[in-house]
Protein backbone atom coordinates (compact mmCIF):
# COMPACT_ATOMS: atom_id res chain seq x y z
CA UNK A 1 67.13 -10.68 8.66
CA UNK A 2 69.30 -13.61 7.01
CA UNK A 3 68.31 -13.70 3.27
CA UNK A 4 70.18 -16.95 2.36
CA UNK A 5 73.55 -18.83 2.91
CA UNK A 6 76.28 -17.91 0.29
CA UNK A 7 79.45 -19.81 1.33
CA UNK A 8 81.25 -22.33 2.45
CA UNK A 9 84.59 -21.10 4.17
CA UNK A 10 87.80 -23.93 3.87
CA UNK A 11 91.37 -23.30 4.91
CA UNK A 12 93.73 -24.96 3.04
CA UNK A 13 97.49 -25.10 3.02
CA UNK A 14 98.31 -25.47 -1.01
CA UNK A 15 95.20 -23.39 -3.28
CA UNK A 16 96.08 -25.15 -6.07
CA UNK A 17 96.14 -28.64 -4.69
CA UNK A 18 92.83 -28.20 -3.09
CA UNK A 19 91.38 -26.15 -7.06
CA UNK A 20 92.83 -29.53 -8.00
CA UNK A 21 90.50 -32.01 -5.75
CA UNK A 22 87.68 -30.47 -5.72
CA UNK A 23 87.63 -29.42 -9.44
CA UNK A 24 88.52 -33.01 -10.30
CA UNK A 25 86.81 -34.48 -6.94
CA UNK A 26 83.90 -33.26 -6.55
CA UNK A 27 83.08 -31.12 -9.76
CA UNK A 28 83.55 -27.56 -8.74
CA UNK A 29 83.90 -24.89 -11.27
CA UNK A 30 86.27 -21.80 -10.32
CA UNK A 31 84.84 -18.73 -10.13
CA UNK A 32 86.52 -16.46 -8.90
CA UNK A 33 90.08 -16.18 -7.64
CA UNK A 34 91.73 -13.11 -5.73
CA UNK A 35 94.68 -11.57 -3.19
CA UNK A 36 93.59 -10.20 0.16
CA UNK A 37 95.83 -7.99 2.18
CA UNK A 38 95.64 -4.60 3.92
CA UNK A 39 93.24 -3.03 6.58
CA UNK A 40 89.93 -4.65 5.89
CA UNK A 41 90.44 -8.06 5.38
CA UNK A 42 92.71 -7.80 8.84
CA UNK A 43 89.93 -6.77 9.83
CA UNK A 44 87.28 -9.55 9.20
CA UNK A 45 90.32 -11.89 10.22
CA UNK A 46 91.15 -10.01 12.75
CA UNK A 47 95.25 -10.91 12.29
CA UNK A 48 97.82 -8.29 11.90
CA UNK A 49 99.63 -8.40 8.03
CA UNK A 50 96.80 -10.69 7.14
CA UNK A 51 97.41 -12.20 3.88
CA UNK A 52 95.52 -14.43 1.52
CA UNK A 53 94.76 -15.96 -1.35
CA UNK A 54 91.17 -16.90 -1.61
CA UNK A 55 89.41 -19.21 -4.50
CA UNK A 56 85.06 -19.44 -4.47
CA UNK A 57 83.84 -22.65 -6.25
CA UNK A 58 80.52 -22.97 -7.71
CA UNK A 59 78.25 -26.12 -7.88
CA UNK A 60 75.08 -25.05 -8.94
CA UNK A 61 74.00 -21.31 -8.50
CA UNK A 62 72.52 -21.35 -4.75
CA UNK A 63 75.57 -22.41 -2.49
CA UNK A 64 79.43 -21.72 -3.24
CA UNK A 65 82.72 -23.53 -1.64
CA UNK A 66 85.71 -20.42 -0.14
CA UNK A 67 89.04 -21.63 -0.34
CA UNK A 68 91.24 -19.47 1.94
CA UNK A 69 95.05 -20.25 1.68
CA UNK A 70 97.17 -17.96 4.75
CA UNK A 71 100.57 -16.33 3.60
CA UNK A 72 100.11 -14.70 6.84
CA UNK A 73 100.16 -15.21 9.12
CA UNK A 74 100.95 -18.82 8.44
CA UNK A 75 98.74 -21.52 8.86
CA UNK A 76 99.11 -23.86 12.40
CA UNK A 77 97.46 -27.00 11.64
CA UNK A 78 93.93 -28.30 13.34
CA UNK A 79 94.80 -29.72 17.63
CA UNK A 80 92.71 -32.15 16.40
CA UNK A 81 90.47 -34.74 13.60
CA UNK A 82 88.17 -35.92 16.12
CA UNK A 83 84.29 -35.54 14.87
CA UNK A 84 82.65 -34.71 18.50
CA UNK A 85 85.09 -32.15 18.58
CA UNK A 86 83.13 -28.87 19.70
CA UNK A 87 83.68 -26.89 16.54
CA UNK A 88 83.63 -29.50 14.25
CA UNK A 89 82.55 -28.35 10.96
CA UNK A 90 81.12 -30.53 7.66
CA UNK A 91 79.94 -29.54 4.11
CA UNK A 92 78.04 -32.25 3.40
CA UNK A 93 77.26 -33.05 -0.52
CA UNK A 94 73.71 -35.11 -1.68
CA UNK A 95 74.67 -37.22 -4.96
CA UNK A 96 73.15 -39.95 -6.79
CA UNK A 97 75.36 -43.29 -6.42
CA UNK A 98 78.29 -42.70 -3.10
CA UNK A 99 79.31 -45.82 -3.40
CA UNK A 100 80.66 -44.34 -6.84
CA UNK A 101 81.40 -41.19 -5.67
CA UNK A 102 83.09 -42.46 -2.41
CA UNK A 103 86.09 -44.68 -4.42
CA UNK A 104 86.45 -41.28 -7.57
CA UNK A 105 87.39 -38.87 -3.84
CA UNK A 106 89.47 -41.69 -2.78
CA UNK A 107 91.51 -41.80 -6.26
CA UNK A 108 91.87 -38.28 -5.88
CA UNK A 109 93.31 -38.19 -2.40
CA UNK A 110 90.21 -37.82 0.19
CA UNK A 111 90.99 -39.21 3.60
CA UNK A 112 87.94 -42.45 4.80
CA UNK A 113 86.94 -42.16 7.62
CA UNK A 114 84.37 -45.57 7.01
CA UNK A 115 82.28 -47.00 4.08
CA UNK A 116 78.70 -45.46 3.06
CA UNK A 117 76.62 -46.88 5.31
CA UNK A 118 73.04 -47.57 5.88
CA UNK A 119 71.66 -44.36 8.75
CA UNK A 120 68.00 -45.21 7.47
CA UNK A 121 66.02 -46.51 5.78
CA UNK A 122 66.57 -45.06 2.08
CA UNK A 123 69.75 -42.68 3.62
CA UNK A 124 73.33 -43.80 3.03
CA UNK A 125 76.14 -41.47 3.99
CA UNK A 126 79.93 -40.98 5.30
CA UNK A 127 82.20 -39.01 6.07
CA UNK A 128 85.44 -38.36 4.79
CA UNK A 129 87.51 -35.04 4.41
CA UNK A 130 89.70 -33.84 1.63
CA UNK A 131 93.13 -33.56 1.39
CA UNK A 132 93.17 -30.61 4.86
CA UNK A 133 91.36 -32.02 6.79
CA UNK A 134 87.79 -30.38 6.56
CA UNK A 135 84.63 -32.81 6.21
CA UNK A 136 82.95 -34.11 3.97
CA UNK A 137 79.59 -35.84 3.86
CA UNK A 138 78.13 -38.18 1.97
CA UNK A 139 74.33 -38.25 1.45
CA UNK A 140 72.11 -40.43 -1.53
CA UNK A 141 68.87 -40.69 0.09
CA UNK A 142 66.61 -43.39 -2.31
């Protein structure tokens, strides 16, 4: 039986750069950093000789973001950045000032698709990407 969500994981090219974006841009705190090698992680990720550097970030107590830098195997680029691709994912953040947050994240290196738009009465949203192309959503409810 599922009890709750625990974390969302994103593969990144450069762990230090990603940590900087998530801490300075989004206000996360680093909860833990670790390195994984050996049989157990090889079994979990399905790669022989897997070697990963990871960071767990928190923004509150309920849900974590795990940033994963693959040392081995070498990471490959995503074949598409299309939002409509099956398997595309995003992590949504509830914000109190979507315009200010949007502008701040642009300065921190976010890749912008479109500015915030009112999608229904009292609901303003936008998508953007972190520096590694992981999709993020900002959502403001009034």
